[in-house]
Amino acid sequence: MGVSQMYYPYLRGKQFELIALREMITNGTLTASIVPIIEPVKASSTLKTVLQLFGRESHSLAVIQNPQATPYTPFANDEEVDELKQEPFFIPAVIGTSQEAVDTLGKYNSPNSMVVLPKTVHPELEWESQPLNNALKVIAPDNRSFLRRSHGSRVVVLDDAFTKRPRNVDYANNEDEFFSETHMYYSEDGYIGFSDYSVIGSEYIDSGYAPRAVAIHIVYFRADGQLRIRHFVSTTNDDITNVAGKFAEALEAFMQWYQSPEFNRDQNDSTALVEFKRMYDQQQYSGLGVVKKLSIEHHLEIMGRYLNERADS
């Protein structure tokens, strides 16, 4: 057995991102090499269910205690949630906006804690303080001063691998593009793990809207191990009507790739892609949230398989 390989996908706690985690922990497709980081946006029943399920499976889960994406009201007087947050599976995490935020980690019993330092955060921190010293640090590569100061300690590199386009139709101009090689080289670069925002990207968008185009984003491993992403885009994109029809067009494009000799099933097939095929066969449309959920599940499943195979080699 080789050295453990660790991936920390950073997800906002929106409904379908939480459902992706709930389904994966339930059906056994989330490997132990994947430790999700949730930045909650709402103290929802789905979030509580995810905490319960991860606790039941003793699967490590980090949850941001000072979310920044949106105003957040935590669970009020919920003894079960408070107890879950003291269990070994739970990794208390903060965005390192200030030393005061980092110091709050001291109130948890957990031997593990986490400080996230994304590219937008540049506070003055006390690098010798015990809470910061003890914490696993998740740092964006743009934060070079933090990376230098953290040299020699436990650091996870936080990439923003997903290239966000202004409009969904713009993905048609870049239908196959580079996503990441961090999973191949993070250890050589001195990190103990790697993190990214999966196929969502770092930008937080609160409201949904009816799109002119529908895009399905699917990551896949090239033969050399590089992770790439394909975008399957609808073709009738002049107005916002008939979203289900637009999804069917994007799904048709996906199926042509999925069923072609070009698609390497051993490396890249997943429970989520099988579900896309079922939806295609049954001409089913369940909403864009489900599309996002399946794209996340696929990414996490094939990455977990890759890391397990790499650890065993």
C-alpha atoms as a PDB file:
ATOM      1  CA  MET A   1       0.000   0.000   0.000  1.00  0.00           C
ATOM      2  CA  GLY A   2       1.439   3.391  -0.974  1.00  0.00           C
ATOM      3  CA  VAL A   3       1.112   6.804   0.627  1.00  0.00           C
ATOM      4  CA  SER A   4      -2.476   8.000   1.094  1.00  0.00           C
ATOM      5  CA  GLN A   5      -3.653  10.440  -1.567  1.00  0.00           C
ATOM      6  CA  MET A   6      -6.018  13.187  -0.448  1.00  0.00           C
ATOM      7  CA  TYR A   7      -8.421  15.409  -2.389  1.00  0.00           C
ATOM      8  CA  TYR A   8     -10.452  18.145  -0.669  1.00  0.00           C
ATOM      9  CA  PRO A   9     -13.221  19.349  -3.034  1.00  0.00           C
ATOM     10  CA  TYR A  10     -14.518  22.761  -1.923  1.00  0.00           C
ATOM     11  CA  LEU A  11     -18.294  22.994  -2.279  1.00  0.00           C
ATOM     12  CA  ARG A  12     -20.782  25.670  -1.300  1.00  0.00           C
ATOM     13  CA  GLY A  13     -23.636  24.115   0.646  1.00  0.00           C
ATOM     14  CA  LYS A  14     -26.259  24.728  -1.998  1.00  0.00           C
ATOM     15  CA  GLN A  15     -29.001  22.136  -2.219  1.00  0.00           C
ATOM     16  CA  PHE A  16     -27.774  20.035  -5.131  1.00  0.00           C
ATOM     17  CA  GLU A  17     -24.146  20.119  -3.994  1.00  0.00           C
ATOM     18  CA  LEU A  18     -25.279  18.713  -0.648  1.00  0.00           C
ATOM     19  CA  ILE A  19     -27.476  16.133  -2.376  1.00  0.00           C
ATOM     20  CA  ALA A  20     -24.437  15.026  -4.408  1.00  0.00           C
ATOM     21  CA  LEU A  21     -22.551  14.331  -1.169  1.00  0.00           C
ATOM     22  CA  ARG A  22     -25.582  12.687   0.415  1.00  0.00           C
ATOM     23  CA  GLU A  23     -26.037  10.316  -2.514  1.00  0.00           C
ATOM     24  CA  MET A  24     -22.344   9.450  -2.765  1.00  0.00           C
ATOM     25  CA  ILE A  25     -21.912   8.690   0.945  1.00  0.00           C
ATOM     26  CA  THR A  26     -25.101   6.591   0.808  1.00  0.00           C
ATOM     27  CA  ASN A  27     -24.231   4.533  -2.270  1.00  0.00           C
ATOM     28  CA  GLY A  28     -20.556   4.070  -1.396  1.00  0.00           C
ATOM     29  CA  THR A  29     -19.017   5.980  -4.319  1.00  0.00           C
ATOM     30  CA  LEU A  30     -17.216   8.543  -2.123  1.00  0.00           C
ATOM     31  CA  THR A  31     -13.842   7.013  -1.273  1.00  0.00           C
ATOM     32  CA  ALA A  32     -11.931   7.733   1.931  1.00  0.00           C
ATOM     33  CA  SER A  33      -9.335   9.634  -0.130  1.00  0.00           C
ATOM     34  CA  ILE A  34     -11.886  12.429  -0.655  1.00  0.00           C
ATOM     35  CA  VAL A  35     -12.604  14.839   2.201  1.00  0.00           C
ATOM     36  CA  PRO A  36     -15.209  17.424   1.141  1.00  0.00           C
ATOM     37  CA  ILE A  37     -15.051  20.983   2.439  1.00  0.00           C
ATOM     38  CA  ILE A  38     -18.501  22.567   2.747  1.00  0.00           C
ATOM     39  CA  GLU A  39     -18.975  26.330   2.979  1.00  0.00           C
ATOM     40  CA  PRO A  40     -22.631  26.366   4.065  1.00  0.00           C
ATOM     41  CA  VAL A  41     -25.043  28.949   2.705  1.00  0.00           C
ATOM     42  CA  LYS A  42     -28.057  27.832   4.753  1.00  0.00           C
ATOM     43  CA  ALA A  43     -28.597  25.763   7.916  1.00  0.00           C
ATOM     44  CA  SER A  44     -30.863  23.383   6.008  1.00  0.00           C
ATOM     45  CA  SER A  45     -32.251  19.956   6.815  1.00  0.00           C
ATOM     46  CA  THR A  46     -30.170  18.603   3.911  1.00  0.00           C
ATOM     47  CA  LEU A  47     -26.988  19.940   5.515  1.00  0.00           C
ATOM     48  CA  LYS A  48     -27.932  18.277   8.796  1.00  0.00           C
ATOM     49  CA  THR A  49     -28.614  14.989   6.992  1.00  0.00           C
ATOM     50  CA  VAL A  50     -25.184  15.164   5.346  1.00  0.00           C
ATOM     51  CA  LEU A  51     -23.561  15.682   8.766  1.00  0.00           C
ATOM     52  CA  GLN A  52     -25.474  12.704  10.163  1.00  0.00           C
ATOM     53  CA  LEU A  53     -24.543  10.415   7.261  1.00  0.00           C
ATOM     54  CA  PHE A  54     -20.856  11.345   7.297  1.00  0.00           C
ATOM     55  CA  GLY A  55     -20.844  10.795  11.062  1.00  0.00           C
ATOM     56  CA  ARG A  56     -22.507   7.404  10.672  1.00  0.00           C
ATOM     57  CA  GLU A  57     -19.902   6.343   8.099  1.00  0.00           C
ATOM     58  CA  SER A  58     -17.006   7.955  10.040  1.00  0.00           C
ATOM     59  CA  HIS A  59     -16.065   9.743   6.799  1.00  0.00           C
ATOM     60  CA  SER A  60     -14.079  12.940   7.360  1.00  0.00           C
ATOM     61  CA  LEU A  61     -15.880  16.163   6.454  1.00  0.00           C
ATOM     62  CA  ALA A  62     -14.730  19.763   6.878  1.00  0.00           C
ATOM     63  CA  VAL A  63     -17.331  22.491   7.412  1.00  0.00           C
ATOM     64  CA  ILE A  64     -16.551  26.213   7.296  1.00  0.00           C
ATOM     65  CA  GLN A  65     -17.639  27.874  10.549  1.00  0.00           C
ATOM     66  CA  ASN A  66     -17.495  31.459   9.232  1.00  0.00           C
ATOM     67  CA  PRO A  67     -19.001  31.276   5.730  1.00  0.00           C
ATOM     68  CA  GLN A  68     -18.292  34.296   3.529  1.00  0.00           C
ATOM     69  CA  ALA A  69     -20.233  33.529   0.337  1.00  0.00           C
ATOM     70  CA  THR A  70     -23.561  34.716   1.734  1.00  0.00           C
ATOM     71  CA  PRO A  71     -24.979  35.892   5.087  1.00  0.00           C
ATOM     72  CA  TYR A  72     -25.338  32.690   7.101  1.00  0.00           C
ATOM     73  CA  THR A  73     -27.445  31.954  10.165  1.00  0.00           C
ATOM     74  CA  PRO A  74     -26.159  28.806  11.921  1.00  0.00           C
ATOM     75  CA  PHE A  75     -28.273  26.047  13.433  1.00  0.00           C
ATOM     76  CA  ALA A  76     -29.956  27.454  16.549  1.00  0.00           C
ATOM     77  CA  ASN A  77     -30.021  25.367  19.743  1.00  0.00           C
ATOM     78  CA  ASP A  78     -29.654  22.089  17.848  1.00  0.00           C
ATOM     79  CA  GLU A  79     -28.031  19.699  20.302  1.00  0.00           C
ATOM     80  CA  GLU A  80     -27.582  16.951  17.713  1.00  0.00           C
ATOM     81  CA  VAL A  81     -25.640  19.253  15.377  1.00  0.00           C
ATOM     82  CA  ASP A  82     -23.537  20.487  18.311  1.00  0.00           C
ATOM     83  CA  GLU A  83     -22.730  16.880  19.230  1.00  0.00           C
ATOM     84  CA  LEU A  84     -21.889  15.959  15.623  1.00  0.00           C
ATOM     85  CA  LYS A  85     -19.434  18.870  15.499  1.00  0.00           C
ATOM     86  CA  GLN A  86     -17.487  17.323  18.385  1.00  0.00           C
ATOM     87  CA  GLU A  87     -17.192  13.878  16.775  1.00  0.00           C
ATOM     88  CA  PRO A  88     -13.900  12.647  15.233  1.00  0.00           C
ATOM     89  CA  PHE A  89     -15.193  12.716  11.634  1.00  0.00           C
ATOM     90  CA  PHE A  90     -15.921  16.458  11.832  1.00  0.00           C
ATOM     91  CA  ILE A  91     -13.123  18.844  10.824  1.00  0.00           C
ATOM     92  CA  PRO A  92     -13.836  22.389  12.051  1.00  0.00           C
ATOM     93  CA  ALA A  93     -12.677  24.836   9.395  1.00  0.00           C
ATOM     94  CA  VAL A  94     -12.537  28.600   9.037  1.00  0.00           C
ATOM     95  CA  ILE A  95     -11.758  31.002   6.239  1.00  0.00           C
ATOM     96  CA  GLY A  96      -8.730  32.852   7.570  1.00  0.00           C
ATOM     97  CA  THR A  97     -10.198  36.340   7.346  1.00  0.00           C
ATOM     98  CA  SER A  98      -8.534  37.349  10.633  1.00  0.00           C
ATOM     99  CA  GLN A  99      -6.560  35.946  13.545  1.00  0.00           C
ATOM    100  CA  GLU A 100      -9.761  36.168  15.580  1.00  0.00           C
ATOM    101  CA  ALA A 101     -11.463  33.784  13.128  1.00  0.00           C
ATOM    102  CA  VAL A 102      -8.540  31.346  13.341  1.00  0.00           C
ATOM    103  CA  ASP A 103      -8.586  31.454  17.153  1.00  0.00           C
ATOM    104  CA  THR A 104     -12.187  30.158  17.228  1.00  0.00           C
ATOM    105  CA  LEU A 105     -10.830  26.729  16.236  1.00  0.00           C
ATOM    106  CA  GLY A 106      -9.619  26.346  19.813  1.00  0.00           C
ATOM    107  CA  LYS A 107     -13.132  25.594  21.073  1.00  0.00           C
ATOM    108  CA  TYR A 108     -13.354  22.248  19.252  1.00  0.00           C
ATOM    109  CA  ASN A 109     -12.222  18.913  20.654  1.00  0.00           C
ATOM    110  CA  SER A 110     -11.131  17.696  17.230  1.00  0.00           C
ATOM    111  CA  PRO A 111      -7.450  16.806  16.735  1.00  0.00           C
ATOM    112  CA  ASN A 112      -7.948  18.046  13.177  1.00  0.00           C
ATOM    113  CA  SER A 113      -8.771  21.591  12.129  1.00  0.00           C
ATOM    114  CA  MET A 114      -8.481  23.576   8.929  1.00  0.00           C
ATOM    115  CA  VAL A 115      -7.786  27.148   7.831  1.00  0.00           C
ATOM    116  CA  VAL A 116      -8.747  28.053   4.256  1.00  0.00           C
ATOM    117  CA  LEU A 117      -6.888  30.936   2.621  1.00  0.00           C
ATOM    118  CA  PRO A 118      -8.446  31.525  -0.825  1.00  0.00           C
ATOM    119  CA  LYS A 119      -7.008  33.966  -3.336  1.00  0.00           C
ATOM    120  CA  THR A 120      -9.301  36.759  -2.117  1.00  0.00           C
ATOM    121  CA  VAL A 121      -8.133  36.632   1.534  1.00  0.00           C
ATOM    122  CA  HIS A 122      -4.929  38.374   2.659  1.00  0.00           C
ATOM    123  CA  PRO A 123      -5.163  39.032   6.418  1.00  0.00           C
ATOM    124  CA  GLU A 124      -2.425  39.640   8.966  1.00  0.00           C
ATOM    125  CA  LEU A 125      -2.092  36.343  10.819  1.00  0.00           C
ATOM    126  CA  GLU A 126       0.006  35.261  13.779  1.00  0.00           C
ATOM    127  CA  TRP A 127       1.910  32.426  12.160  1.00  0.00           C
ATOM    128  CA  GLU A 128       3.284  31.148  15.458  1.00  0.00           C
ATOM    129  CA  SER A 129      -0.143  30.939  17.097  1.00  0.00           C
ATOM    130  CA  GLN A 130      -1.167  27.453  18.152  1.00  0.00           C
ATOM    131  CA  PRO A 131      -4.519  27.326  16.277  1.00  0.00           C
ATOM    132  CA  LEU A 132      -2.801  28.252  13.010  1.00  0.00           C
ATOM    133  CA  ASN A 133       0.196  25.998  13.615  1.00  0.00           C
ATOM    134  CA  ASN A 134      -2.001  23.005  14.371  1.00  0.00           C
ATOM    135  CA  ALA A 135      -4.385  23.482  11.456  1.00  0.00           C
ATOM    136  CA  LEU A 136      -4.244  21.958   8.021  1.00  0.00           C
ATOM    137  CA  LYS A 137      -3.874  24.961   5.702  1.00  0.00           C
ATOM    138  CA  VAL A 138      -5.752  25.056   2.403  1.00  0.00           C
ATOM    139  CA  ILE A 139      -4.079  27.818   0.398  1.00  0.00           C
ATOM    140  CA  ALA A 140      -4.664  29.209  -3.093  1.00  0.00           C
ATOM    141  CA  PRO A 141      -1.477  29.333  -5.204  1.00  0.00           C
ATOM    142  CA  ASP A 142      -2.056  33.095  -5.698  1.00  0.00           C
ATOM    143  CA  ASN A 143      -1.403  33.561  -1.965  1.00  0.00           C
ATOM    144  CA  ARG A 144       2.353  33.235  -2.380  1.00  0.00           C
ATOM    145  CA  SER A 145       3.271  34.897   0.916  1.00  0.00           C
ATOM    146  CA  PHE A 146       1.079  32.422   2.813  1.00  0.00           C
ATOM    147  CA  LEU A 147       2.580  29.499   0.910  1.00  0.00           C
ATOM    148  CA  ARG A 148       6.100  30.672   1.775  1.00  0.00           C
ATOM    149  CA  ARG A 149       5.254  31.112   5.450  1.00  0.00           C
ATOM    150  CA  SER A 150       3.596  27.710   5.566  1.00  0.00           C
ATOM    151  CA  HIS A 151       6.608  25.914   4.109  1.00  0.00           C
ATOM    152  CA  GLY A 152       7.258  22.752   6.076  1.00  0.00           C
ATOM    153  CA  SER A 153       3.763  22.531   7.561  1.00  0.00           C
ATOM    154  CA  ARG A 154       0.684  20.646   6.378  1.00  0.00           C
ATOM    155  CA  VAL A 155      -0.557  22.480   3.280  1.00  0.00           C
ATOM    156  CA  VAL A 156      -3.221  21.633   0.700  1.00  0.00           C
ATOM    157  CA  VAL A 157      -3.114  23.656  -2.531  1.00  0.00           C
ATOM    158  CA  LEU A 158      -6.470  25.199  -3.554  1.00  0.00           C
ATOM    159  CA  ASP A 159      -6.855  25.574  -7.313  1.00  0.00           C
ATOM    160  CA  ASP A 160      -9.666  27.257  -9.202  1.00  0.00           C
ATOM    161  CA  ALA A 161      -9.564  24.760 -12.053  1.00  0.00           C
ATOM    162  CA  PHE A 162     -12.921  25.514 -13.684  1.00  0.00           C
ATOM    163  CA  THR A 163     -12.762  28.304 -16.278  1.00  0.00           C
ATOM    164  CA  LYS A 164     -16.015  30.212 -15.892  1.00  0.00           C
ATOM    165  CA  ARG A 165     -17.408  31.711 -19.121  1.00  0.00           C
ATOM    166  CA  PRO A 166     -19.725  34.740 -19.210  1.00  0.00           C
ATOM    167  CA  ARG A 167     -22.508  32.744 -20.902  1.00  0.00           C
ATOM    168  CA  ASN A 168     -23.226  29.034 -21.264  1.00  0.00           C
ATOM    169  CA  VAL A 169     -23.140  29.331 -25.053  1.00  0.00           C
ATOM    170  CA  ASP A 170     -19.484  30.449 -24.805  1.00  0.00           C
ATOM    171  CA  TYR A 171     -18.448  26.957 -23.715  1.00  0.00           C
ATOM    172  CA  ALA A 172     -19.182  25.772 -27.266  1.00  0.00           C
ATOM    173  CA  ASN A 173     -16.064  27.665 -28.383  1.00  0.00           C
ATOM    174  CA  ASN A 174     -13.929  25.708 -25.900  1.00  0.00           C
ATOM    175  CA  GLU A 175     -15.634  22.335 -25.915  1.00  0.00           C
ATOM    176  CA  ASP A 176     -12.564  20.385 -24.737  1.00  0.00           C
ATOM    177  CA  GLU A 177     -10.027  22.099 -22.484  1.00  0.00           C
ATOM    178  CA  PHE A 178      -7.432  21.615 -19.774  1.00  0.00           C
ATOM    179  CA  PHE A 179      -8.772  21.246 -16.234  1.00  0.00           C
ATOM    180  CA  SER A 180      -5.960  20.213 -13.889  1.00  0.00           C
ATOM    181  CA  GLU A 181      -2.699  18.347 -13.371  1.00  0.00           C
ATOM    182  CA  THR A 182      -2.438  19.159  -9.665  1.00  0.00           C
ATOM    183  CA  HIS A 183      -3.458  15.608  -8.715  1.00  0.00           C
ATOM    184  CA  MET A 184      -0.335  14.364 -10.514  1.00  0.00           C
ATOM    185  CA  TYR A 185       2.236  16.703  -8.990  1.00  0.00           C
ATOM    186  CA  TYR A 186       0.984  18.109  -5.667  1.00  0.00           C
ATOM    187  CA  SER A 187       3.144  15.744  -3.623  1.00  0.00           C
ATOM    188  CA  GLU A 188       6.282  16.641  -5.598  1.00  0.00           C
ATOM    189  CA  ASP A 189       5.436  20.301  -4.991  1.00  0.00           C
ATOM    190  CA  GLY A 190       5.455  19.732  -1.227  1.00  0.00           C
ATOM    191  CA  TYR A 191       1.707  19.599  -0.525  1.00  0.00           C
ATOM    192  CA  ILE A 192      -0.069  16.843   1.401  1.00  0.00           C
ATOM    193  CA  GLY A 193      -3.230  17.158  -0.677  1.00  0.00           C
ATOM    194  CA  PHE A 194      -5.032  19.232  -3.281  1.00  0.00           C
ATOM    195  CA  SER A 195      -8.332  21.076  -3.489  1.00  0.00           C
ATOM    196  CA  ASP A 196     -10.513  22.774  -6.086  1.00  0.00           C
ATOM    197  CA  TYR A 197     -14.059  24.004  -6.613  1.00  0.00           C
ATOM    198  CA  SER A 198     -14.943  20.991  -8.789  1.00  0.00           C
ATOM    199  CA  VAL A 199     -16.961  21.898 -11.912  1.00  0.00           C
ATOM    200  CA  ILE A 200     -18.614  24.901 -10.223  1.00  0.00           C
ATOM    201  CA  GLY A 201     -15.743  27.377  -9.885  1.00  0.00           C
ATOM    202  CA  SER A 202     -14.874  29.759  -7.061  1.00  0.00           C
ATOM    203  CA  GLU A 203     -17.416  32.447  -7.947  1.00  0.00           C
ATOM    204  CA  TYR A 204     -20.560  32.151  -5.836  1.00  0.00           C
ATOM    205  CA  ILE A 205     -23.826  32.903  -7.655  1.00  0.00           C
ATOM    206  CA  ASP A 206     -26.877  32.861  -5.399  1.00  0.00           C
ATOM    207  CA  SER A 207     -29.781  33.132  -7.800  1.00  0.00           C
ATOM    208  CA  GLY A 208     -30.842  30.788 -10.544  1.00  0.00           C
ATOM    209  CA  TYR A 209     -32.063  32.043 -13.894  1.00  0.00           C
ATOM    210  CA  ALA A 210     -33.480  30.633 -17.097  1.00  0.00           C
ATOM    211  CA  PRO A 211     -30.490  30.232 -19.438  1.00  0.00           C
ATOM    212  CA  ARG A 212     -30.457  30.756 -23.173  1.00  0.00           C
ATOM    213  CA  ALA A 213     -28.119  27.762 -23.465  1.00  0.00           C
ATOM    214  CA  VAL A 214     -27.711  24.601 -21.405  1.00  0.00           C
ATOM    215  CA  ALA A 215     -24.200  23.245 -20.825  1.00  0.00           C
ATOM    216  CA  ILE A 216     -23.169  19.912 -19.299  1.00  0.00           C
ATOM    217  CA  HIS A 217     -19.624  19.928 -17.875  1.00  0.00           C
ATOM    218  CA  ILE A 218     -17.860  16.552 -17.660  1.00  0.00           C
ATOM    219  CA  VAL A 219     -14.258  16.051 -16.529  1.00  0.00           C
ATOM    220  CA  TYR A 220     -12.253  13.094 -17.800  1.00  0.00           C
ATOM    221  CA  PHE A 221      -8.754  11.674 -17.530  1.00  0.00           C
ATOM    222  CA  ARG A 222      -6.574  11.692 -20.606  1.00  0.00           C
ATOM    223  CA  ALA A 223      -4.377   8.611 -21.067  1.00  0.00           C
ATOM    224  CA  ASP A 224      -1.384  10.428 -19.523  1.00  0.00           C
ATOM    225  CA  GLY A 225      -3.343  11.296 -16.350  1.00  0.00           C
ATOM    226  CA  GLN A 226      -4.110  14.932 -17.166  1.00  0.00           C
ATOM    227  CA  LEU A 227      -7.637  15.919 -16.152  1.00  0.00           C
ATOM    228  CA  ARG A 228      -9.546  17.660 -18.906  1.00  0.00           C
ATOM    229  CA  ILE A 229     -13.115  18.929 -19.181  1.00  0.00           C
ATOM    230  CA  ARG A 230     -15.626  18.671 -21.984  1.00  0.00           C
ATOM    231  CA  HIS A 231     -18.585  21.012 -22.377  1.00  0.00           C
ATOM    232  CA  PHE A 232     -21.708  19.771 -24.134  1.00  0.00           C
ATOM    233  CA  VAL A 233     -23.862  22.734 -25.172  1.00  0.00           C
ATOM    234  CA  SER A 234     -27.372  23.033 -26.580  1.00  0.00           C
ATOM    235  CA  THR A 235     -27.779  24.317 -30.139  1.00  0.00           C
ATOM    236  CA  THR A 236     -31.050  26.319 -30.068  1.00  0.00           C
ATOM    237  CA  ASN A 237     -29.889  29.211 -27.912  1.00  0.00           C
ATOM    238  CA  ASP A 238     -31.777  32.263 -29.184  1.00  0.00           C
ATOM    239  CA  ASP A 239     -34.150  32.618 -26.216  1.00  0.00           C
ATOM    240  CA  ILE A 240     -34.954  31.199 -22.772  1.00  0.00           C
ATOM    241  CA  THR A 241     -37.868  28.975 -23.781  1.00  0.00           C
ATOM    242  CA  ASN A 242     -37.878  25.160 -23.651  1.00  0.00           C
ATOM    243  CA  VAL A 243     -35.015  24.488 -21.240  1.00  0.00           C
ATOM    244  CA  ALA A 244     -35.896  20.774 -21.322  1.00  0.00           C
ATOM    245  CA  GLY A 245     -35.384  20.766 -25.088  1.00  0.00           C
ATOM    246  CA  LYS A 246     -32.041  22.531 -24.706  1.00  0.00           C
ATOM    247  CA  PHE A 247     -30.970  19.925 -22.146  1.00  0.00           C
ATOM    248  CA  ALA A 248     -31.934  17.153 -24.583  1.00  0.00           C
ATOM    249  CA  GLU A 249     -29.649  18.737 -27.211  1.00  0.00           C
ATOM    250  CA  ALA A 250     -26.726  18.956 -24.778  1.00  0.00           C
ATOM    251  CA  LEU A 251     -27.388  15.389 -23.616  1.00  0.00           C
ATOM    252  CA  GLU A 252     -27.401  14.173 -27.222  1.00  0.00           C
ATOM    253  CA  ALA A 253     -23.930  15.696 -27.707  1.00  0.00           C
ATOM    254  CA  PHE A 254     -22.751  14.030 -24.492  1.00  0.00           C
ATOM    255  CA  MET A 255     -24.093  10.639 -25.591  1.00  0.00           C
ATOM    256  CA  GLN A 256     -22.238  10.816 -28.906  1.00  0.00           C
ATOM    257  CA  TRP A 257     -18.983  11.188 -26.955  1.00  0.00           C
ATOM    258  CA  TYR A 258     -19.915   8.711 -24.211  1.00  0.00           C
ATOM    259  CA  GLN A 259     -20.728   5.955 -26.703  1.00  0.00           C
ATOM    260  CA  SER A 260     -17.742   6.607 -28.983  1.00  0.00           C
ATOM    261  CA  PRO A 261     -14.482   4.578 -29.027  1.00  0.00           C
ATOM    262  CA  GLU A 262     -12.768   7.764 -27.811  1.00  0.00           C
ATOM    263  CA  PHE A 263     -14.356   7.384 -24.360  1.00  0.00           C
ATOM    264  CA  ASN A 264     -12.214   5.299 -21.976  1.00  0.00           C
ATOM    265  CA  ARG A 265     -14.697   3.539 -19.694  1.00  0.00           C
ATOM    266  CA  ASP A 266     -12.090   2.076 -17.356  1.00  0.00           C
ATOM    267  CA  GLN A 267     -10.755   5.530 -16.512  1.00  0.00           C
ATOM    268  CA  ASN A 268     -13.800   7.706 -16.902  1.00  0.00           C
ATOM    269  CA  ASP A 269     -17.117   5.917 -16.499  1.00  0.00           C
ATOM    270  CA  SER A 270     -19.104   6.561 -13.331  1.00  0.00           C
ATOM    271  CA  THR A 271     -22.446   6.031 -11.643  1.00  0.00           C
ATOM    272  CA  ALA A 272     -23.367   9.601 -12.621  1.00  0.00           C
ATOM    273  CA  LEU A 273     -22.646   9.083 -16.330  1.00  0.00           C
ATOM    274  CA  VAL A 274     -24.739   5.910 -16.290  1.00  0.00           C
ATOM    275  CA  GLU A 275     -27.544   8.056 -14.852  1.00  0.00           C
ATOM    276  CA  PHE A 276     -27.124  10.589 -17.684  1.00  0.00           C
ATOM    277  CA  LYS A 277     -27.493   7.675 -20.128  1.00  0.00           C
ATOM    278  CA  ARG A 278     -30.646   6.496 -18.337  1.00  0.00           C
ATOM    279  CA  MET A 279     -32.092  10.022 -18.581  1.00  0.00           C
ATOM    280  CA  TYR A 280     -31.260  10.030 -22.294  1.00  0.00           C
ATOM    281  CA  ASP A 281     -32.867   6.629 -22.873  1.00  0.00           C
ATOM    282  CA  GLN A 282     -36.028   7.691 -21.027  1.00  0.00           C
ATOM    283  CA  GLN A 283     -36.040  11.254 -22.446  1.00  0.00           C
ATOM    284  CA  GLN A 284     -36.116  12.573 -18.884  1.00  0.00           C
ATOM    285  CA  TYR A 285     -35.351  16.100 -17.695  1.00  0.00           C
ATOM    286  CA  SER A 286     -35.209  16.683 -13.942  1.00  0.00           C
ATOM    287  CA  GLY A 287     -33.942  20.270 -13.817  1.00  0.00           C
ATOM    288  CA  LEU A 288     -30.558  21.959 -14.084  1.00  0.00           C
ATOM    289  CA  GLY A 289     -29.788  21.306 -10.414  1.00  0.00           C
ATOM    290  CA  VAL A 290     -29.700  17.579 -11.141  1.00  0.00           C
ATOM    291  CA  VAL A 291     -27.319  18.204 -14.054  1.00  0.00           C
ATOM    292  CA  LYS A 292     -24.943  20.050 -11.713  1.00  0.00           C
ATOM    293  CA  LYS A 293     -25.292  17.350  -9.055  1.00  0.00           C
ATOM    294  CA  LEU A 294     -24.411  14.559 -11.490  1.00  0.00           C
ATOM    295  CA  SER A 295     -21.424  16.489 -12.875  1.00  0.00           C
ATOM    296  CA  ILE A 296     -20.030  16.897  -9.334  1.00  0.00           C
ATOM    297  CA  GLU A 297     -20.686  13.240  -8.454  1.00  0.00           C
ATOM    298  CA  HIS A 298     -18.892  12.127 -11.614  1.00  0.00           C
ATOM    299  CA  HIS A 299     -15.836  14.294 -10.866  1.00  0.00           C
ATOM    300  CA  LEU A 300     -15.539  13.039  -7.295  1.00  0.00           C
ATOM    301  CA  GLU A 301     -16.094   9.391  -8.235  1.00  0.00           C
ATOM    302  CA  ILE A 302     -13.442   9.183 -10.959  1.00  0.00           C
ATOM    303  CA  MET A 303     -10.967  11.207  -8.875  1.00  0.00           C
ATOM    304  CA  GLY A 304     -11.477   8.881  -5.912  1.00  0.00           C
ATOM    305  CA  ARG A 305     -10.828   5.876  -8.152  1.00  0.00           C
ATOM    306  CA  TYR A 306      -7.695   7.508  -9.601  1.00  0.00           C
ATOM    307  CA  LEU A 307      -6.298   8.266  -6.139  1.00  0.00           C
ATOM    308  CA  ASN A 308      -6.998   4.769  -4.843  1.00  0.00           C
ATOM    309  CA  GLU A 309      -5.265   3.204  -7.846  1.00  0.00           C
ATOM    310  CA  ARG A 310      -2.312   5.554  -7.431  1.00  0.00           C
ATOM    311  CA  ALA A 311      -2.017   4.732  -3.718  1.00  0.00           C
ATOM    312  CA  ASP A 312      -2.090   0.998  -4.474  1.00  0.00           C
ATOM    313  CA  SER A 313       0.559   1.186  -7.190  1.00  0.00           C
END
